[in-house]
Amino acid sequence: MKLRMQTHLWTGAALALVLPAAALANETHVYGIANFGGAGQCSAKSHPVHTKTAAEFAGYFNSLKSSGHWSDVQTINNAGVRADIWTDASKASAADAKDTQANVGVDDANVLFVHTHGGHSEANLRSWLVMGNNVDACSAVTDTHMSLGNGKLNIAVVKACQSGDFQVWKQGGYRTLVTPSSSFSMWNAFHGDSSCGNFVKRYVKRYVANSRVDGVGENWIDEAYDWDLGKNNDDCPVSIVFGQTKAQRVAMFEAGGWNDRKNTGSKTASTYFYVAGCDPDNGQKLPE
């Protein structure tokens, strides 16, 4: 496995960001969406493991909470996962933008994990995550709903197909996930489709336990990568890190952790970390 990275520098005036010294809050939200196709649900294949992986992720943070090293863990599953809790106030009216809603919204926690179905459009420079009900919309879309880190969010771990597409990133599509002053720094996701089964529970359990103080990006790629010789159905985990300098972004990828979330400065650029030559279904072969 050869790890590679590419950097995308955004044009425009550089913006300085000075963050006040403060103790880190420690809050986690996990979202598992396993039920699809029924009344009030969105169209996709039901998959019970989606809530089981979410439970593994939450379980580790609950153990930290029990030992006094974490403050809050919330689990929101199935019908509780709506598009409005992914929607930022800059993208919709107050009634439809609830990403900072207490104990539910994605931007009301420092760390999130979600397991659902996903997709992407290179033409429209976006990815989307399928929601647990159809009350608002059946997809939370990276450009039309999300602007992360205007609340608390620092790290998102996204187990969903096509949620971190290389071509979308290369053309600037995920730039809309942040503003320069955002606290959000890491989108761990997948380029192309990703396989699913009980084995995901096992690697999520290892990943979350091994990333408390470092490797929060690198460990994701190590654990979720799966190579299939001669076929274009590899699992291609990626880590997109937002920040001001390459050194800051690399430090977050390699040495950042749940309890050691690095300050990456103004979110004026991003780096895409991936496995060279990884070749998934529904995604181009990644550069060597």
C-alpha atoms as a PDB file:
ATOM      1  CA  MET A   1       0.000   0.000   0.000  1.00  0.00           C
ATOM      2  CA  LYS A   2       1.458   3.346  -1.082  1.00  0.00           C
ATOM      3  CA  LEU A   3      -0.039   6.338   0.654  1.00  0.00           C
ATOM      4  CA  ARG A   4      -0.265   9.495  -1.478  1.00  0.00           C
ATOM      5  CA  MET A   5      -1.565  13.001  -1.001  1.00  0.00           C
ATOM      6  CA  GLN A   6      -2.498  15.888  -3.244  1.00  0.00           C
ATOM      7  CA  THR A   7      -3.021  19.500  -2.217  1.00  0.00           C
ATOM      8  CA  HIS A   8      -5.646  21.907  -3.482  1.00  0.00           C
ATOM      9  CA  LEU A   9      -4.873  25.586  -2.875  1.00  0.00           C
ATOM     10  CA  TRP A  10      -7.887  27.840  -3.130  1.00  0.00           C
ATOM     11  CA  THR A  11      -7.647  31.163  -4.902  1.00  0.00           C
ATOM     12  CA  GLY A  12      -8.575  34.414  -3.219  1.00  0.00           C
ATOM     13  CA  ALA A  13      -7.226  36.516  -0.412  1.00  0.00           C
ATOM     14  CA  ALA A  14      -5.606  34.641   2.437  1.00  0.00           C
ATOM     15  CA  LEU A  15      -7.467  35.029   5.700  1.00  0.00           C
ATOM     16  CA  ALA A  16      -5.727  34.874   9.043  1.00  0.00           C
ATOM     17  CA  LEU A  17      -7.414  33.012  11.857  1.00  0.00           C
ATOM     18  CA  VAL A  18      -6.518  33.470  15.485  1.00  0.00           C
ATOM     19  CA  LEU A  19      -8.166  31.051  17.871  1.00  0.00           C
ATOM     20  CA  PRO A  20      -8.419  31.812  21.587  1.00  0.00           C
ATOM     21  CA  ALA A  21      -6.871  29.372  23.977  1.00  0.00           C
ATOM     22  CA  ALA A  22      -9.623  27.192  25.423  1.00  0.00           C
ATOM     23  CA  ALA A  23     -10.151  23.726  26.794  1.00  0.00           C
ATOM     24  CA  LEU A  24     -11.422  21.267  24.222  1.00  0.00           C
ATOM     25  CA  ALA A  25     -15.009  20.159  24.529  1.00  0.00           C
ATOM     26  CA  ASN A  26     -15.514  16.446  23.985  1.00  0.00           C
ATOM     27  CA  GLU A  27     -18.822  15.523  22.365  1.00  0.00           C
ATOM     28  CA  THR A  28     -19.614  12.755  19.864  1.00  0.00           C
ATOM     29  CA  HIS A  29     -22.655  12.094  17.692  1.00  0.00           C
ATOM     30  CA  VAL A  30     -23.116   8.813  15.825  1.00  0.00           C
ATOM     31  CA  TYR A  31     -25.697   8.222  13.110  1.00  0.00           C
ATOM     32  CA  GLY A  32     -26.662   4.792  11.802  1.00  0.00           C
ATOM     33  CA  ILE A  33     -29.224   4.463   9.024  1.00  0.00           C
ATOM     34  CA  ALA A  34     -30.147   0.832   8.396  1.00  0.00           C
ATOM     35  CA  ASN A  35     -33.817   0.927   7.343  1.00  0.00           C
ATOM     36  CA  PHE A  36     -34.859   1.977   3.848  1.00  0.00           C
ATOM     37  CA  GLY A  37     -37.740   1.502   1.441  1.00  0.00           C
ATOM     38  CA  GLY A  38     -40.614   1.523   3.912  1.00  0.00           C
ATOM     39  CA  ALA A  39     -43.292   4.088   4.668  1.00  0.00           C
ATOM     40  CA  GLY A  40     -41.697   7.474   5.309  1.00  0.00           C
ATOM     41  CA  GLN A  41     -38.245   6.084   4.522  1.00  0.00           C
ATOM     42  CA  CYS A  42     -35.894   6.805   1.656  1.00  0.00           C
ATOM     43  CA  SER A  43     -35.176   4.429  -1.202  1.00  0.00           C
ATOM     44  CA  ALA A  44     -32.137   2.189  -0.747  1.00  0.00           C
ATOM     45  CA  LYS A  45     -31.275  -1.312   0.402  1.00  0.00           C
ATOM     46  CA  SER A  46     -31.775  -1.928   4.119  1.00  0.00           C
ATOM     47  CA  HIS A  47     -28.605  -2.999   5.866  1.00  0.00           C
ATOM     48  CA  PRO A  48     -28.693  -3.837   9.615  1.00  0.00           C
ATOM     49  CA  VAL A  49     -24.928  -3.483  10.018  1.00  0.00           C
ATOM     50  CA  HIS A  50     -25.184   0.302   9.585  1.00  0.00           C
ATOM     51  CA  THR A  51     -26.500   0.736  13.129  1.00  0.00           C
ATOM     52  CA  LYS A  52     -24.129  -1.928  14.477  1.00  0.00           C
ATOM     53  CA  THR A  53     -21.066  -0.029  13.276  1.00  0.00           C
ATOM     54  CA  ALA A  54     -22.490   3.154  14.770  1.00  0.00           C
ATOM     55  CA  ALA A  55     -22.849   1.298  18.072  1.00  0.00           C
ATOM     56  CA  GLU A  56     -19.188   0.242  17.944  1.00  0.00           C
ATOM     57  CA  PHE A  57     -18.109   3.846  17.390  1.00  0.00           C
ATOM     58  CA  ALA A  58     -20.334   5.129  20.194  1.00  0.00           C
ATOM     59  CA  GLY A  59     -19.244   2.325  22.509  1.00  0.00           C
ATOM     60  CA  TYR A  60     -15.655   3.464  22.578  1.00  0.00           C
ATOM     61  CA  PHE A  61     -16.591   7.041  23.414  1.00  0.00           C
ATOM     62  CA  ASN A  62     -18.991   5.823  26.093  1.00  0.00           C
ATOM     63  CA  SER A  63     -16.057   4.000  27.651  1.00  0.00           C
ATOM     64  CA  LEU A  64     -14.073   7.252  27.600  1.00  0.00           C
ATOM     65  CA  LYS A  65     -17.036   9.030  29.181  1.00  0.00           C
ATOM     66  CA  SER A  66     -17.279   6.407  31.928  1.00  0.00           C
ATOM     67  CA  SER A  67     -13.619   6.949  32.768  1.00  0.00           C
ATOM     68  CA  GLY A  68     -13.980  10.731  32.829  1.00  0.00           C
ATOM     69  CA  HIS A  69     -12.170  11.391  29.545  1.00  0.00           C
ATOM     70  CA  TRP A  70     -15.156  12.394  27.409  1.00  0.00           C
ATOM     71  CA  SER A  71     -18.189  14.512  28.131  1.00  0.00           C
ATOM     72  CA  ASP A  72     -21.121  13.443  25.947  1.00  0.00           C
ATOM     73  CA  VAL A  73     -22.157  10.759  23.435  1.00  0.00           C
ATOM     74  CA  GLN A  74     -25.403  10.764  21.463  1.00  0.00           C
ATOM     75  CA  THR A  75     -26.714   8.081  19.092  1.00  0.00           C
ATOM     76  CA  ILE A  76     -29.286   9.046  16.457  1.00  0.00           C
ATOM     77  CA  ASN A  77     -30.495   6.216  14.240  1.00  0.00           C
ATOM     78  CA  ASN A  78     -32.828   5.614  11.299  1.00  0.00           C
ATOM     79  CA  ALA A  79     -35.842   7.985  11.248  1.00  0.00           C
ATOM     80  CA  GLY A  80     -34.042  10.396  13.564  1.00  0.00           C
ATOM     81  CA  VAL A  81     -31.469  11.168  10.849  1.00  0.00           C
ATOM     82  CA  ARG A  82     -32.995  13.923   8.703  1.00  0.00           C
ATOM     83  CA  ALA A  83     -31.579  16.319   6.146  1.00  0.00           C
ATOM     84  CA  ASP A  84     -32.311  19.329   8.360  1.00  0.00           C
ATOM     85  CA  ILE A  85     -29.853  18.191  11.046  1.00  0.00           C
ATOM     86  CA  TRP A  86     -27.137  18.354   8.338  1.00  0.00           C
ATOM     87  CA  THR A  87     -28.248  21.781   7.114  1.00  0.00           C
ATOM     88  CA  ASP A  88     -26.363  24.952   8.020  1.00  0.00           C
ATOM     89  CA  ALA A  89     -28.097  28.284   8.600  1.00  0.00           C
ATOM     90  CA  SER A  90     -26.196  29.741   5.634  1.00  0.00           C
ATOM     91  CA  LYS A  91     -27.950  27.257   3.315  1.00  0.00           C
ATOM     92  CA  ALA A  92     -31.605  27.430   4.414  1.00  0.00           C
ATOM     93  CA  SER A  93     -34.155  29.160   6.619  1.00  0.00           C
ATOM     94  CA  ALA A  94     -33.947  28.737  10.375  1.00  0.00           C
ATOM     95  CA  ALA A  95     -36.851  26.280  10.292  1.00  0.00           C
ATOM     96  CA  ASP A  96     -34.955  24.002   7.905  1.00  0.00           C
ATOM     97  CA  ALA A  97     -31.404  24.443   9.254  1.00  0.00           C
ATOM     98  CA  LYS A  98     -30.840  22.437  12.423  1.00  0.00           C
ATOM     99  CA  ASP A  99     -27.206  21.349  12.262  1.00  0.00           C
ATOM    100  CA  THR A 100     -26.545  22.984  15.640  1.00  0.00           C
ATOM    101  CA  GLN A 101     -29.642  21.536  17.343  1.00  0.00           C
ATOM    102  CA  ALA A 102     -28.636  20.311  20.789  1.00  0.00           C
ATOM    103  CA  ASN A 103     -27.838  16.595  21.039  1.00  0.00           C
ATOM    104  CA  VAL A 104     -28.963  15.933  17.447  1.00  0.00           C
ATOM    105  CA  GLY A 105     -27.367  18.249  14.874  1.00  0.00           C
ATOM    106  CA  VAL A 106     -24.111  17.277  13.196  1.00  0.00           C
ATOM    107  CA  ASP A 107     -22.469  20.576  14.166  1.00  0.00           C
ATOM    108  CA  ASP A 108     -23.413  20.192  17.832  1.00  0.00           C
ATOM    109  CA  ALA A 109     -20.598  17.680  18.391  1.00  0.00           C
ATOM    110  CA  ASN A 110     -16.829  17.717  17.966  1.00  0.00           C
ATOM    111  CA  VAL A 111     -16.709  14.273  16.368  1.00  0.00           C
ATOM    112  CA  LEU A 112     -19.305  12.490  14.245  1.00  0.00           C
ATOM    113  CA  PHE A 113     -19.644   9.071  12.657  1.00  0.00           C
ATOM    114  CA  VAL A 114     -22.289   8.175  10.092  1.00  0.00           C
ATOM    115  CA  HIS A 115     -22.965   4.905   8.274  1.00  0.00           C
ATOM    116  CA  THR A 116     -25.424   5.068   5.391  1.00  0.00           C
ATOM    117  CA  HIS A 117     -25.637   4.865   1.619  1.00  0.00           C
ATOM    118  CA  GLY A 118     -24.154   7.635  -0.509  1.00  0.00           C
ATOM    119  CA  GLY A 119     -23.425   8.843  -4.006  1.00  0.00           C
ATOM    120  CA  HIS A 120     -21.742  11.610  -5.976  1.00  0.00           C
ATOM    121  CA  SER A 121     -22.046  13.738  -9.087  1.00  0.00           C
ATOM    122  CA  GLU A 122     -18.844  14.879 -10.744  1.00  0.00           C
ATOM    123  CA  ALA A 123     -20.826  17.213 -13.021  1.00  0.00           C
ATOM    124  CA  ASN A 124     -22.405  18.963 -10.030  1.00  0.00           C
ATOM    125  CA  LEU A 125     -19.325  18.695  -7.788  1.00  0.00           C
ATOM    126  CA  ARG A 126     -21.066  17.112  -4.832  1.00  0.00           C
ATOM    127  CA  SER A 127     -21.591  14.001  -2.767  1.00  0.00           C
ATOM    128  CA  TRP A 128     -24.676  13.068  -0.799  1.00  0.00           C
ATOM    129  CA  LEU A 129     -25.690  10.875   2.122  1.00  0.00           C
ATOM    130  CA  VAL A 130     -29.043   9.052   2.149  1.00  0.00           C
ATOM    131  CA  MET A 131     -31.176   9.993   5.151  1.00  0.00           C
ATOM    132  CA  GLY A 132     -33.361   7.909   7.455  1.00  0.00           C
ATOM    133  CA  ASN A 133     -36.663   9.534   6.522  1.00  0.00           C
ATOM    134  CA  ASN A 134     -38.137  11.639   3.751  1.00  0.00           C
ATOM    135  CA  VAL A 135     -39.632  14.476   5.801  1.00  0.00           C
ATOM    136  CA  ASP A 136     -37.149  17.118   4.601  1.00  0.00           C
ATOM    137  CA  ALA A 137     -35.187  15.500   1.781  1.00  0.00           C
ATOM    138  CA  CYS A 138     -33.864  12.014   1.204  1.00  0.00           C
ATOM    139  CA  SER A 139     -30.275  13.192   0.876  1.00  0.00           C
ATOM    140  CA  ALA A 140     -27.984  15.536   2.764  1.00  0.00           C
ATOM    141  CA  VAL A 141     -25.841  17.069   0.018  1.00  0.00           C
ATOM    142  CA  THR A 142     -22.355  18.459   0.573  1.00  0.00           C
ATOM    143  CA  ASP A 143     -22.912  21.726  -1.307  1.00  0.00           C
ATOM    144  CA  THR A 144     -26.615  22.460  -0.843  1.00  0.00           C
ATOM    145  CA  HIS A 145     -26.952  21.560   2.852  1.00  0.00           C
ATOM    146  CA  MET A 146     -23.589  21.436   4.607  1.00  0.00           C
ATOM    147  CA  SER A 147     -21.233  24.033   5.997  1.00  0.00           C
ATOM    148  CA  LEU A 148     -19.424  22.326   8.844  1.00  0.00           C
ATOM    149  CA  GLY A 149     -17.610  23.734  11.835  1.00  0.00           C
ATOM    150  CA  ASN A 150     -19.685  26.876  12.266  1.00  0.00           C
ATOM    151  CA  GLY A 151     -20.800  25.165  15.460  1.00  0.00           C
ATOM    152  CA  LYS A 152     -18.475  22.649  17.148  1.00  0.00           C
ATOM    153  CA  LEU A 153     -17.553  19.996  14.591  1.00  0.00           C
ATOM    154  CA  ASN A 154     -13.882  19.115  14.077  1.00  0.00           C
ATOM    155  CA  ILE A 155     -13.877  15.582  12.599  1.00  0.00           C
ATOM    156  CA  ALA A 156     -16.384  13.639  10.461  1.00  0.00           C
ATOM    157  CA  VAL A 157     -15.986   9.906   9.794  1.00  0.00           C
ATOM    158  CA  VAL A 158     -18.280   8.973   6.914  1.00  0.00           C
ATOM    159  CA  LYS A 159     -18.891   5.298   6.055  1.00  0.00           C
ATOM    160  CA  ALA A 160     -20.812   5.862   2.839  1.00  0.00           C
ATOM    161  CA  CYS A 161     -20.123   5.090  -0.794  1.00  0.00           C
ATOM    162  CA  GLN A 162     -18.721   7.904  -2.950  1.00  0.00           C
ATOM    163  CA  SER A 163     -18.657  10.355  -0.048  1.00  0.00           C
ATOM    164  CA  GLY A 164     -15.113  11.592  -0.774  1.00  0.00           C
ATOM    165  CA  ASP A 165     -14.801  11.404  -4.568  1.00  0.00           C
ATOM    166  CA  PHE A 166     -11.387  12.383  -5.948  1.00  0.00           C
ATOM    167  CA  GLN A 167     -12.666  14.234  -9.015  1.00  0.00           C
ATOM    168  CA  VAL A 168     -15.201  16.180  -6.965  1.00  0.00           C
ATOM    169  CA  TRP A 169     -12.395  17.195  -4.586  1.00  0.00           C
ATOM    170  CA  LYS A 170      -9.927  17.975  -7.416  1.00  0.00           C
ATOM    171  CA  GLN A 171     -12.404  20.397  -8.966  1.00  0.00           C
ATOM    172  CA  GLY A 172     -13.091  22.139  -5.658  1.00  0.00           C
ATOM    173  CA  GLY A 173     -16.408  20.489  -4.863  1.00  0.00           C
ATOM    174  CA  TYR A 174     -15.777  19.929  -1.152  1.00  0.00           C
ATOM    175  CA  ARG A 175     -14.620  23.487  -0.604  1.00  0.00           C
ATOM    176  CA  THR A 176     -18.211  24.290   0.352  1.00  0.00           C
ATOM    177  CA  LEU A 177     -17.916  22.075   3.443  1.00  0.00           C
ATOM    178  CA  VAL A 178     -15.989  24.821   5.259  1.00  0.00           C
ATOM    179  CA  THR A 179     -15.552  28.545   5.638  1.00  0.00           C
ATOM    180  CA  PRO A 180     -12.127  30.057   6.421  1.00  0.00           C
ATOM    181  CA  SER A 181     -13.061  30.475  10.088  1.00  0.00           C
ATOM    182  CA  SER A 182     -14.562  26.999  10.439  1.00  0.00           C
ATOM    183  CA  SER A 183     -13.451  24.690  13.247  1.00  0.00           C
ATOM    184  CA  PHE A 184     -13.905  21.698  10.931  1.00  0.00           C
ATOM    185  CA  SER A 185     -10.697  20.087   9.700  1.00  0.00           C
ATOM    186  CA  MET A 186     -11.199  16.446   8.623  1.00  0.00           C
ATOM    187  CA  TRP A 187     -13.641  14.581   6.349  1.00  0.00           C
ATOM    188  CA  ASN A 188     -12.789  10.855   6.396  1.00  0.00           C
ATOM    189  CA  ALA A 189     -14.795   9.176   3.643  1.00  0.00           C
ATOM    190  CA  PHE A 190     -14.620   6.922   0.559  1.00  0.00           C
ATOM    191  CA  HIS A 191     -13.705   7.402  -3.066  1.00  0.00           C
ATOM    192  CA  GLY A 192     -16.010   5.101  -5.034  1.00  0.00           C
ATOM    193  CA  ASP A 193     -18.157   2.387  -3.521  1.00  0.00           C
ATOM    194  CA  SER A 194     -17.258   0.669  -0.268  1.00  0.00           C
ATOM    195  CA  SER A 195     -18.196  -2.852   0.742  1.00  0.00           C
ATOM    196  CA  CYS A 196     -20.216  -3.627   3.832  1.00  0.00           C
ATOM    197  CA  GLY A 197     -20.663  -6.441   6.313  1.00  0.00           C
ATOM    198  CA  ASN A 198     -19.892  -7.400   9.880  1.00  0.00           C
ATOM    199  CA  PHE A 199     -16.178  -6.965   9.135  1.00  0.00           C
ATOM    200  CA  VAL A 200     -16.837  -3.201   9.132  1.00  0.00           C
ATOM    201  CA  LYS A 201     -17.809  -3.440  12.801  1.00  0.00           C
ATOM    202  CA  ARG A 202     -14.400  -4.929  13.523  1.00  0.00           C
ATOM    203  CA  TYR A 203     -12.349  -2.323  11.690  1.00  0.00           C
ATOM    204  CA  VAL A 204     -14.417   0.548  13.073  1.00  0.00           C
ATOM    205  CA  LYS A 205     -13.806  -0.814  16.575  1.00  0.00           C
ATOM    206  CA  ARG A 206     -10.040  -0.959  15.946  1.00  0.00           C
ATOM    207  CA  TYR A 207      -9.959   2.425  14.251  1.00  0.00           C
ATOM    208  CA  VAL A 208     -11.768   4.336  16.956  1.00  0.00           C
ATOM    209  CA  ALA A 209      -9.764   2.719  19.773  1.00  0.00           C
ATOM    210  CA  ASN A 210      -6.414   3.387  18.094  1.00  0.00           C
ATOM    211  CA  SER A 211      -7.040   7.049  17.219  1.00  0.00           C
ATOM    212  CA  ARG A 212      -7.437   8.683  20.595  1.00  0.00           C
ATOM    213  CA  VAL A 213      -4.241  10.740  20.468  1.00  0.00           C
ATOM    214  CA  ASP A 214      -2.882  10.309  16.935  1.00  0.00           C
ATOM    215  CA  GLY A 215      -3.450   8.777  13.490  1.00  0.00           C
ATOM    216  CA  VAL A 216      -7.068   9.883  13.149  1.00  0.00           C
ATOM    217  CA  GLY A 217      -6.660  10.243   9.385  1.00  0.00           C
ATOM    218  CA  GLU A 218      -3.928   7.704   8.701  1.00  0.00           C
ATOM    219  CA  ASN A 219      -5.576   4.972  10.774  1.00  0.00           C
ATOM    220  CA  TRP A 220      -8.822   5.404   8.840  1.00  0.00           C
ATOM    221  CA  ILE A 221      -7.043   4.594   5.589  1.00  0.00           C
ATOM    222  CA  ASP A 222      -5.112   1.710   7.160  1.00  0.00           C
ATOM    223  CA  GLU A 223      -8.235   0.057   8.570  1.00  0.00           C
ATOM    224  CA  ALA A 224     -10.807   0.664   5.819  1.00  0.00           C
ATOM    225  CA  TYR A 225      -8.623  -0.013   2.744  1.00  0.00           C
ATOM    226  CA  ASP A 226      -9.337  -3.306   0.962  1.00  0.00           C
ATOM    227  CA  TRP A 227      -7.541  -4.472  -2.157  1.00  0.00           C
ATOM    228  CA  ASP A 228      -9.011  -6.910  -4.689  1.00  0.00           C
ATOM    229  CA  LEU A 229      -6.466  -8.085  -7.253  1.00  0.00           C
ATOM    230  CA  GLY A 230      -7.490  -7.572 -10.867  1.00  0.00           C
ATOM    231  CA  LYS A 231     -10.913  -6.064 -10.209  1.00  0.00           C
ATOM    232  CA  ASN A 232     -12.173  -2.507  -9.973  1.00  0.00           C
ATOM    233  CA  ASN A 233     -13.925  -2.991  -6.651  1.00  0.00           C
ATOM    234  CA  ASP A 234     -11.281  -1.990  -4.118  1.00  0.00           C
ATOM    235  CA  ASP A 235     -12.407  -0.150  -0.986  1.00  0.00           C
ATOM    236  CA  CYS A 236     -10.689   3.250  -1.199  1.00  0.00           C
ATOM    237  CA  PRO A 237     -10.881   5.203   2.061  1.00  0.00           C
ATOM    238  CA  VAL A 238      -9.664   8.790   1.853  1.00  0.00           C
ATOM    239  CA  SER A 239      -9.001  11.612   4.283  1.00  0.00           C
ATOM    240  CA  ILE A 240      -9.601  15.218   3.251  1.00  0.00           C
ATOM    241  CA  VAL A 241      -7.925  17.641   5.645  1.00  0.00           C
ATOM    242  CA  PHE A 242      -8.699  21.364   5.562  1.00  0.00           C
ATOM    243  CA  GLY A 243      -6.264  24.005   6.813  1.00  0.00           C
ATOM    244  CA  GLN A 244      -3.903  26.851   6.119  1.00  0.00           C
ATOM    245  CA  THR A 245      -0.553  25.143   5.537  1.00  0.00           C
ATOM    246  CA  LYS A 246       0.509  21.731   4.302  1.00  0.00           C
ATOM    247  CA  ALA A 247       2.427  21.134   7.526  1.00  0.00           C
ATOM    248  CA  GLN A 248      -0.696  21.792   9.605  1.00  0.00           C
ATOM    249  CA  ARG A 249      -2.786  19.491   7.460  1.00  0.00           C
ATOM    250  CA  VAL A 250      -0.241  16.660   7.556  1.00  0.00           C
ATOM    251  CA  ALA A 251       0.071  17.052  11.336  1.00  0.00           C
ATOM    252  CA  MET A 252      -3.676  16.619  11.732  1.00  0.00           C
ATOM    253  CA  PHE A 253      -3.705  13.558   9.442  1.00  0.00           C
ATOM    254  CA  GLU A 254      -0.773  11.817  11.128  1.00  0.00           C
ATOM    255  CA  ALA A 255      -0.744  13.071  14.709  1.00  0.00           C
ATOM    256  CA  GLY A 256      -4.274  14.332  15.365  1.00  0.00           C
ATOM    257  CA  GLY A 257      -6.640  12.287  17.514  1.00  0.00           C
ATOM    258  CA  TRP A 258      -9.959  12.489  19.317  1.00  0.00           C
ATOM    259  CA  ASN A 259      -8.250  14.016  22.334  1.00  0.00           C
ATOM    260  CA  ASP A 260      -5.581  15.786  20.300  1.00  0.00           C
ATOM    261  CA  ARG A 261      -7.423  17.703  17.597  1.00  0.00           C
ATOM    262  CA  LYS A 262      -4.840  19.899  15.888  1.00  0.00           C
ATOM    263  CA  ASN A 263      -5.472  23.543  15.010  1.00  0.00           C
ATOM    264  CA  THR A 264      -5.036  23.670  11.228  1.00  0.00           C
ATOM    265  CA  GLY A 265      -5.585  27.434  10.961  1.00  0.00           C
ATOM    266  CA  SER A 266      -7.685  29.143   8.305  1.00  0.00           C
ATOM    267  CA  LYS A 267      -9.446  26.666   6.044  1.00  0.00           C
ATOM    268  CA  THR A 268      -8.007  28.128   2.842  1.00  0.00           C
ATOM    269  CA  ALA A 269      -6.739  24.861   1.304  1.00  0.00           C
ATOM    270  CA  SER A 270      -7.157  21.101   1.585  1.00  0.00           C
ATOM    271  CA  THR A 271      -5.066  17.963   1.176  1.00  0.00           C
ATOM    272  CA  TYR A 272      -6.438  14.669  -0.139  1.00  0.00           C
ATOM    273  CA  PHE A 273      -4.825  11.560   1.364  1.00  0.00           C
ATOM    274  CA  TYR A 274      -5.384   8.221  -0.388  1.00  0.00           C
ATOM    275  CA  VAL A 275      -3.857   4.879  -1.404  1.00  0.00           C
ATOM    276  CA  ALA A 276      -2.064   5.132  -4.758  1.00  0.00           C
ATOM    277  CA  GLY A 277      -3.689   3.074  -7.495  1.00  0.00           C
ATOM    278  CA  CYS A 278      -6.757   2.156  -5.457  1.00  0.00           C
ATOM    279  CA  ASP A 279      -9.455   1.232  -7.983  1.00  0.00           C
ATOM    280  CA  PRO A 280     -13.058   1.144  -6.712  1.00  0.00           C
ATOM    281  CA  ASP A 281     -16.379   0.530  -8.367  1.00  0.00           C
ATOM    282  CA  ASN A 282     -18.112   3.821  -9.291  1.00  0.00           C
ATOM    283  CA  GLY A 283     -14.923   5.852  -9.051  1.00  0.00           C
ATOM    284  CA  GLN A 284     -11.855   6.326 -11.218  1.00  0.00           C
ATOM    285  CA  LYS A 285      -8.593   4.577 -10.378  1.00  0.00           C
ATOM    286  CA  LEU A 286      -6.693   6.863  -8.035  1.00  0.00           C
ATOM    287  CA  PRO A 287      -3.365   8.306  -9.278  1.00  0.00           C
ATOM    288  CA  GLU A 288      -0.215   6.285  -8.695  1.00  0.00           C
END
